[in-house]
């Protein structure tokens, strides 16, 4: 399927859950339209099953390290991301913390500094990127980006982009930030699911914005009440940085991955496979007419493993764990396996994700028990 060009003047229309049985079909066709217009590249279509004869096996996880708050020194209140550097240092991110640990799990420091001065934040962290010898801090709430040295944590630069607030930072390369900026357009005030556009842009140190022709779709929900309205995120930005130049990105609820070239400012490849989607069942009570997506998001994590990309899917087997697809750098579906990792939150989360990071054959994960005890674990992946 060849991707077309998106007309920026094309109006965005809602998909209404009130259509009942037609709603999943309407959503599929609607999102399929953006699939065919958003990336500007041919999509590599893969079959449902990979070529490997070893596909479907269950790998083993051997625990080599675990960090808990048992000693009272650490307290993971709300960790939602984990990052690992090439030298084994890893970072656990919370809204107002970035805990740094050595490879063996020894606590080093908290790199988040509360305040309004240089190197400080008075708002929550939006995202963190480890880019070679630099750590990128970003707070969209105060539109501020910090560059810190890795692993020393020393402040290199305190940067405030003018005019526009980046919604997502994809990378820092050759002294410039590659970001996603939301396309500003009027939103219809009708309850439903909508697709919004985010443009790939480059911002230099003088806050000059260089837009590209690439748009990424991002699905939201809009619920209109008698007094006010509420917006929810259906999509989730999922990335895997293949340093220093490339970033894998998924932004759609259905199965699609794009490869962004930071130098060219374009998507050079996109791929997907035939995928049996998981129906989403809302267990909590919601108001009548509340827009509910019909399916769980197909992808919940992207990981770089040597010369391949691991796509962690939303398919969960209670006995086997998470289904992980393996793709070549060229977008060919090579293999899959079951990862016996179960301690993630999926309750009432159509866009649930698995906070994890990968360094060679070592998996770093945030785990949550049934009684909400949080720990960070490091496992060796044994694939025999």
Protein backbone atom coordinates (compact mmCIF):
# COMPACT_ATOMS: atom_id res chain seq x y z
CA UNK A 1 0.00 0.00 0.00
CA UNK A 2 1.46 3.33 -1.04
CA UNK A 3 1.06 6.20 1.35
CA UNK A 4 -0.40 9.45 0.02
CA UNK A 5 0.14 13.04 1.11
CA UNK A 6 -2.05 14.58 3.75
CA UNK A 7 -3.95 17.71 2.86
CA UNK A 8 -3.57 19.92 5.98
CA UNK A 9 -6.89 21.58 5.15
CA UNK A 10 -8.77 18.30 5.43
CA UNK A 11 -11.21 18.60 8.38
CA UNK A 12 -10.95 16.13 11.22
CA UNK A 13 -14.21 14.28 11.85
CA UNK A 14 -15.18 12.44 15.01
CA UNK A 15 -15.97 8.76 15.23
CA UNK A 16 -19.03 8.30 17.38
CA UNK A 17 -19.45 5.37 19.76
CA UNK A 18 -23.20 5.85 19.48
CA UNK A 19 -23.08 3.96 16.19
CA UNK A 20 -22.77 0.75 18.24
CA UNK A 21 -21.84 -2.14 15.94
CA UNK A 22 -20.71 0.21 13.21
CA UNK A 23 -18.33 2.00 15.57
CA UNK A 24 -15.41 -0.48 15.37
CA UNK A 25 -15.72 -0.55 11.57
CA UNK A 26 -15.92 3.22 11.38
CA UNK A 27 -12.89 3.59 13.64
CA UNK A 28 -10.91 1.10 11.59
CA UNK A 29 -11.70 2.85 8.33
CA UNK A 30 -11.04 6.25 9.86
CA UNK A 31 -7.66 5.32 11.28
CA UNK A 32 -6.85 3.44 8.11
CA UNK A 33 -7.34 6.69 6.21
CA UNK A 34 -4.68 8.36 8.33
CA UNK A 35 -2.45 5.36 7.92
CA UNK A 36 -2.59 5.95 4.18
CA UNK A 37 -1.93 9.67 4.41
CA UNK A 38 0.24 10.38 7.44
CA UNK A 39 3.63 8.81 6.83
CA UNK A 40 4.20 9.57 3.17
CA UNK A 41 5.93 6.23 2.56
CA UNK A 42 5.04 2.77 1.34
CA UNK A 43 4.07 0.48 4.20
CA UNK A 44 5.78 -2.89 4.40
CA UNK A 45 3.00 -5.42 4.90
CA UNK A 46 4.00 -8.50 6.88
CA UNK A 47 2.00 -11.71 7.38
CA UNK A 48 0.46 -12.74 10.67
CA UNK A 49 3.15 -15.35 11.34
CA UNK A 50 6.94 -14.85 11.17
CA UNK A 51 9.37 -16.94 9.16
CA UNK A 52 11.25 -18.44 12.12
CA UNK A 53 10.55 -22.06 12.98
CA UNK A 54 11.29 -21.22 16.64
CA UNK A 55 8.48 -18.67 16.82
CA UNK A 56 6.08 -19.01 19.74
CA UNK A 57 8.62 -20.19 22.30
CA UNK A 58 8.70 -18.91 25.88
CA UNK A 59 12.03 -17.37 26.90
CA UNK A 60 13.27 -17.48 30.47
CA UNK A 61 13.95 -14.53 32.77
CA UNK A 62 16.70 -14.88 35.36
CA UNK A 63 16.54 -12.16 38.01
CA UNK A 64 19.93 -10.56 38.64
CA UNK A 65 18.93 -7.43 40.55
CA UNK A 66 15.92 -5.89 42.30
CA UNK A 67 15.42 -2.50 43.96
CA UNK A 68 12.65 -2.06 46.52
CA UNK A 69 11.85 0.37 49.30
CA UNK A 70 12.21 -2.34 51.93
CA UNK A 71 15.08 -0.51 53.62
CA UNK A 72 13.25 2.78 53.60
CA UNK A 73 15.84 4.45 51.39
CA UNK A 74 13.86 4.42 48.18
CA UNK A 75 10.20 4.98 47.68
CA UNK A 76 8.85 4.59 44.16
CA UNK A 77 5.60 6.51 44.40
CA UNK A 78 4.63 6.66 40.74
CA UNK A 79 7.40 5.51 38.39
CA UNK A 80 6.25 5.44 34.80
CA UNK A 81 9.42 5.03 32.72
CA UNK A 82 12.83 3.40 32.92
CA UNK A 83 15.85 4.26 30.78
CA UNK A 84 19.17 2.48 30.37
CA UNK A 85 22.44 3.81 28.93
CA UNK A 86 24.99 1.85 26.94
CA UNK A 87 27.35 1.69 29.94
CA UNK A 88 24.72 0.01 32.15
CA UNK A 89 23.65 3.04 34.19
CA UNK A 90 19.88 3.21 34.36
CA UNK A 91 17.31 5.80 35.35
CA UNK A 92 13.85 5.52 36.89
CA UNK A 93 11.55 8.41 36.05
CA UNK A 94 8.75 9.81 38.17
CA UNK A 95 6.88 13.11 37.72
CA UNK A 96 9.34 14.93 40.00
CA UNK A 97 12.27 12.53 40.24
CA UNK A 98 14.87 10.94 38.02
CA UNK A 99 16.70 8.34 40.09
CA UNK A 100 20.09 7.31 38.74
CA UNK A 101 21.51 3.84 39.48
CA UNK A 102 24.72 2.09 38.61
CA UNK A 103 24.64 -1.14 36.63
CA UNK A 104 24.52 -3.27 39.78
CA UNK A 105 21.65 -1.31 41.29
CA UNK A 106 23.53 1.06 43.60
CA UNK A 107 21.71 4.37 43.98
CA UNK A 108 23.75 7.34 42.72
CA UNK A 109 21.58 10.46 42.84
CA UNK A 110 18.27 12.10 42.05
CA UNK A 111 18.87 14.34 39.05
CA UNK A 112 15.58 16.24 39.33
CA UNK A 113 16.00 19.58 41.11
CA UNK A 114 12.96 21.46 42.31
CA UNK A 115 13.03 25.21 41.75
CA UNK A 116 12.96 27.96 39.18
CA UNK A 117 16.66 28.54 38.58
CA UNK A 118 19.06 27.10 36.00
CA UNK A 119 18.89 23.31 35.92
CA UNK A 120 15.68 23.28 37.97
CA UNK A 121 12.01 22.54 37.33
CA UNK A 122 8.89 23.77 39.08
CA UNK A 123 6.71 21.41 37.03
CA UNK A 124 6.60 17.68 36.33
CA UNK A 125 8.96 15.94 33.94
CA UNK A 126 7.29 15.16 30.64
CA UNK A 127 9.99 12.92 29.23
CA UNK A 128 13.61 11.86 29.52
CA UNK A 129 15.98 10.72 26.75
CA UNK A 130 19.43 9.21 27.07
CA UNK A 131 21.38 10.31 24.01
CA UNK A 132 24.98 9.13 24.06
CA UNK A 133 26.81 11.20 26.68
CA UNK A 134 23.82 13.48 27.32
CA UNK A 135 20.57 13.26 29.23
CA UNK A 136 17.63 15.26 27.92
CA UNK A 137 15.07 16.52 30.45
CA UNK A 138 11.83 18.01 29.16
CA UNK A 139 8.91 19.61 30.97
CA UNK A 140 6.13 20.59 28.56
CA UNK A 141 4.23 22.30 31.39
CA UNK A 142 6.92 24.96 31.72
CA UNK A 143 8.36 24.54 28.20
CA UNK A 144 11.88 23.86 29.36
CA UNK A 145 14.60 21.47 28.18
CA UNK A 146 17.74 20.60 30.12
CA UNK A 147 20.85 18.92 28.81
CA UNK A 148 22.83 17.06 31.47
CA UNK A 149 26.06 15.15 31.14
CA UNK A 150 25.90 11.38 31.47
CA UNK A 151 26.72 9.89 33.88
CA UNK A 152 28.02 12.85 35.90
CA UNK A 153 24.65 14.67 35.89
CA UNK A 154 26.28 18.08 35.39
CA UNK A 155 24.22 20.82 33.74
CA UNK A 156 25.25 21.47 30.13
CA UNK A 157 22.44 23.70 28.97
CA UNK A 158 19.14 25.18 30.14
CA UNK A 159 16.97 25.82 27.08
CA UNK A 160 13.49 27.32 26.70
CA UNK A 161 12.02 27.05 23.18
CA UNK A 162 10.12 30.17 22.15
CA UNK A 163 6.68 30.30 20.57
CA UNK A 164 5.81 26.59 20.59
CA UNK A 165 5.81 23.83 23.19
CA UNK A 166 7.08 20.46 21.91
CA UNK A 167 4.60 17.67 22.55
CA UNK A 168 7.29 15.03 22.12
CA UNK A 169 11.08 15.11 21.73
CA UNK A 170 12.31 12.38 19.42
CA UNK A 171 16.00 13.08 19.58
CA UNK A 172 18.93 15.45 19.91
CA UNK A 173 21.36 15.28 17.02
CA UNK A 174 23.97 17.65 15.63
CA UNK A 175 22.97 20.41 18.06
CA UNK A 176 19.29 20.35 17.15
CA UNK A 177 16.15 18.89 18.69
CA UNK A 178 13.79 16.84 16.54
CA UNK A 179 10.32 17.24 18.01
CA UNK A 180 6.63 16.79 17.34
CA UNK A 181 4.46 19.91 17.39
CA UNK A 182 0.70 19.72 17.48
CA UNK A 183 -1.03 21.16 14.44
CA UNK A 184 -3.20 23.99 15.65
CA UNK A 185 -6.76 23.63 14.40
CA UNK A 186 -10.21 24.13 15.83
CA UNK A 187 -11.72 21.02 17.40
CA UNK A 188 -15.38 20.14 17.01
CA UNK A 189 -17.26 19.97 20.30
CA UNK A 190 -18.98 16.66 19.73
CA UNK A 191 -18.44 13.59 21.90
CA UNK A 192 -16.36 11.01 20.07
CA UNK A 193 -12.90 9.83 19.10
CA UNK A 194 -10.72 12.18 17.06
CA UNK A 195 -7.40 11.98 15.27
CA UNK A 196 -5.10 14.97 15.72
CA UNK A 197 -2.00 15.73 13.68
CA UNK A 198 1.51 16.28 15.01
CA UNK A 199 4.15 17.67 12.66
CA UNK A 200 7.77 16.57 12.69
CA UNK A 201 9.92 19.67 13.23
CA UNK A 202 13.52 20.61 14.00
CA UNK A 203 14.28 23.29 16.61
CA UNK A 204 17.77 24.81 16.80
CA UNK A 205 19.41 26.53 19.78
CA UNK A 206 17.99 29.90 18.70
CA UNK A 207 14.43 28.46 18.82
CA UNK A 208 14.09 28.57 15.05
CA UNK A 209 11.52 26.00 13.97
CA UNK A 210 12.02 24.11 10.73
CA UNK A 211 8.83 22.16 9.91
CA UNK A 212 8.89 19.07 7.72
CA UNK A 213 6.13 17.59 5.58
CA UNK A 214 5.72 14.60 7.92
CA UNK A 215 2.59 14.32 10.07
CA UNK A 216 1.89 11.70 12.71
CA UNK A 217 -1.67 10.82 13.78
CA UNK A 218 -2.61 10.71 17.45
CA UNK A 219 -6.05 9.57 18.64
CA UNK A 220 -7.87 11.26 21.51
CA UNK A 221 -11.32 11.02 23.08
CA UNK A 222 -13.57 14.00 23.71
CA UNK A 223 -16.50 13.79 26.12
CA UNK A 224 -18.87 16.73 26.23
CA UNK A 225 -20.77 17.14 29.50
CA UNK A 226 -23.39 19.60 30.61
CA UNK A 227 -20.67 21.59 32.30
CA UNK A 228 -17.35 21.49 30.54
CA UNK A 229 -15.64 18.67 28.70
CA UNK A 230 -12.84 16.14 29.18
CA UNK A 231 -10.12 14.98 26.82
CA UNK A 232 -8.44 11.58 27.09
CA UNK A 233 -5.50 10.08 25.23
CA UNK A 234 -6.20 6.94 23.24
CA UNK A 235 -2.83 6.82 21.46
CA UNK A 236 0.49 6.75 23.27
CA UNK A 237 3.84 7.96 21.93
CA UNK A 238 6.12 4.90 21.87
CA UNK A 239 9.72 5.30 20.72
CA UNK A 240 12.99 3.40 20.52
CA UNK A 241 16.08 5.47 19.78
CA UNK A 242 18.59 3.81 17.49
CA UNK A 243 21.38 6.30 18.14
CA UNK A 244 22.46 8.66 16.96
CA UNK A 245 20.33 9.18 13.89
CA UNK A 246 17.24 6.98 13.87
CA UNK A 247 14.08 6.66 15.98
CA UNK A 248 11.38 4.00 15.73
CA UNK A 249 7.98 5.48 16.50
CA UNK A 250 4.44 4.20 17.01
CA UNK A 251 1.58 6.67 17.53
CA UNK A 252 -1.53 4.81 16.32
CA UNK A 253 -3.79 2.48 18.31
CA UNK A 254 -3.42 -0.16 15.59
CA UNK A 255 -0.24 -1.92 14.51
CA UNK A 256 2.13 0.43 12.65
CA UNK A 257 5.78 1.40 13.24
CA UNK A 258 7.69 4.14 11.44
CA UNK A 259 11.44 4.70 11.26
CA UNK A 260 12.37 8.38 11.48
CA UNK A 261 15.66 9.66 10.07
CA UNK A 262 16.62 12.66 12.23
CA UNK A 263 19.12 13.92 9.63
CA UNK A 264 16.62 13.91 6.77
CA UNK A 265 13.60 14.84 8.89
CA UNK A 266 11.45 12.16 7.31
CA UNK A 267 10.03 8.69 7.77
CA UNK A 268 12.21 6.45 5.66
CA UNK A 269 10.33 3.23 6.37
CA UNK A 270 7.09 2.07 7.96
CA UNK A 271 5.87 -1.46 8.55
CA UNK A 272 3.19 -3.55 10.21
CA UNK A 273 1.87 -7.07 10.33
CA UNK A 274 -1.52 -8.71 10.33
CA UNK A 275 -2.53 -8.69 13.97
CA UNK A 276 -5.45 -10.16 15.89
CA UNK A 277 -6.54 -7.18 17.98
CA UNK A 278 -7.55 -7.48 21.65
CA UNK A 279 -11.00 -6.19 22.47
CA UNK A 280 -11.16 -3.57 25.18
CA UNK A 281 -13.68 -4.14 27.96
CA UNK A 282 -14.36 -1.21 30.28
CA UNK A 283 -15.04 -2.64 33.73
CA UNK A 284 -15.53 0.62 35.54
CA UNK A 285 -18.82 2.47 35.27
CA UNK A 286 -18.72 5.44 32.92
CA UNK A 287 -21.35 8.06 32.01
CA UNK A 288 -23.76 7.26 29.15
CA UNK A 289 -22.26 8.11 25.77
CA UNK A 290 -18.68 8.12 27.05
CA UNK A 291 -16.38 7.37 24.07
CA UNK A 292 -14.77 3.98 24.54
CA UNK A 293 -12.34 2.51 21.98
CA UNK A 294 -13.24 -0.98 20.80
CA UNK A 295 -9.71 -2.38 21.11
CA UNK A 296 -6.64 -2.19 23.32
CA UNK A 297 -3.73 -0.47 21.60
CA UNK A 298 -1.82 -3.11 19.66
CA UNK A 299 1.68 -2.06 20.78
CA UNK A 300 2.81 -1.32 24.34
CA UNK A 301 6.61 -0.95 23.98
CA UNK A 302 9.42 -0.70 21.40
CA UNK A 303 12.93 -1.98 22.20
CA UNK A 304 16.21 -2.05 20.29
CA UNK A 305 17.97 -5.41 20.51
CA UNK A 306 21.29 -5.57 18.68
CA UNK A 307 20.38 -5.45 14.97
CA UNK A 308 16.64 -5.91 15.42
CA UNK A 309 13.57 -4.18 16.79
CA UNK A 310 11.39 -5.83 19.41
CA UNK A 311 7.74 -4.82 19.28
CA UNK A 312 6.06 -5.68 22.59
CA UNK A 313 2.42 -6.32 21.74
CA UNK A 314 -0.74 -6.10 23.83
CA UNK A 315 -1.34 -9.83 23.45
CA UNK A 316 -1.11 -11.35 26.93
CA UNK A 317 -1.29 -15.02 27.82
CA UNK A 318 -1.87 -15.69 31.52
CA UNK A 319 0.58 -18.59 31.43
CA UNK A 320 3.16 -17.35 28.91
CA UNK A 321 3.28 -13.57 29.36
CA UNK A 322 3.62 -10.85 26.70
CA UNK A 323 3.96 -11.63 23.01
CA UNK A 324 7.04 -9.92 21.51
CA UNK A 325 7.50 -9.57 17.74
CA UNK A 326 10.99 -9.34 16.23
CA UNK A 327 11.62 -7.26 13.10
CA UNK A 328 14.73 -6.65 11.03
CA UNK A 329 15.91 -3.10 10.51
CA UNK A 330 14.35 -3.33 7.06
CA UNK A 331 10.92 -3.98 8.58
CA UNK A 332 10.68 -7.73 7.90
CA UNK A 333 8.82 -9.83 10.48
CA UNK A 334 11.41 -12.41 11.54
CA UNK A 335 10.36 -14.03 14.78
CA UNK A 336 8.25 -13.84 17.92
CA UNK A 337 8.41 -15.18 21.47
CA UNK A 338 6.61 -14.96 24.79
CA UNK A 339 8.18 -12.83 27.52
CA UNK A 340 7.11 -14.09 30.97
CA UNK A 341 6.57 -10.64 32.42
CA UNK A 342 3.18 -10.26 34.12
CA UNK A 343 3.41 -7.45 36.66
CA UNK A 344 2.08 -4.58 34.58
CA UNK A 345 -1.14 -2.62 35.00
CA UNK A 346 -3.75 -3.39 32.37
CA UNK A 347 -6.98 -2.79 34.29
CA UNK A 348 -9.24 -0.41 32.35
CA UNK A 349 -6.31 0.83 30.27
CA UNK A 350 -6.89 0.70 26.53
CA UNK A 351 -3.45 2.27 26.10
CA UNK A 352 -1.61 0.33 28.78
CA UNK A 353 2.10 -0.04 28.28
CA UNK A 354 4.97 -2.00 29.74
CA UNK A 355 7.63 0.33 31.20
CA UNK A 356 10.85 -1.47 30.33
CA UNK A 357 14.29 -0.96 28.82
CA UNK A 358 16.73 -3.30 27.15
CA UNK A 359 20.52 -3.50 27.08
CA UNK A 360 21.80 -6.46 25.10
CA UNK A 361 20.16 -9.48 26.79
CA UNK A 362 19.27 -7.67 30.01
CA UNK A 363 15.74 -6.45 30.60
CA UNK A 364 14.99 -3.62 33.04
CA UNK A 365 11.37 -3.40 34.19
CA UNK A 366 9.11 -1.62 36.65
CA UNK A 367 6.97 -4.21 38.40
CA UNK A 368 3.77 -3.79 40.38
CA UNK A 369 2.34 -6.51 42.61
CA UNK A 370 -1.33 -7.11 43.29
CA UNK A 371 -1.06 -5.12 46.53
CA UNK A 372 0.54 -2.19 44.62
CA UNK A 373 4.10 -2.70 45.87
CA UNK A 374 6.51 -1.26 43.32
CA UNK A 375 10.01 -2.47 42.52
CA UNK A 376 12.57 -2.21 39.74
CA UNK A 377 14.05 -5.46 38.48
CA UNK A 378 16.79 -6.45 36.09
CA UNK A 379 16.57 -9.81 34.33
CA UNK A 380 18.85 -11.75 32.05
CA UNK A 381 16.88 -13.05 29.06
CA UNK A 382 17.75 -16.68 28.40
CA UNK A 383 16.66 -17.86 24.97
CA UNK A 384 17.72 -21.46 24.50
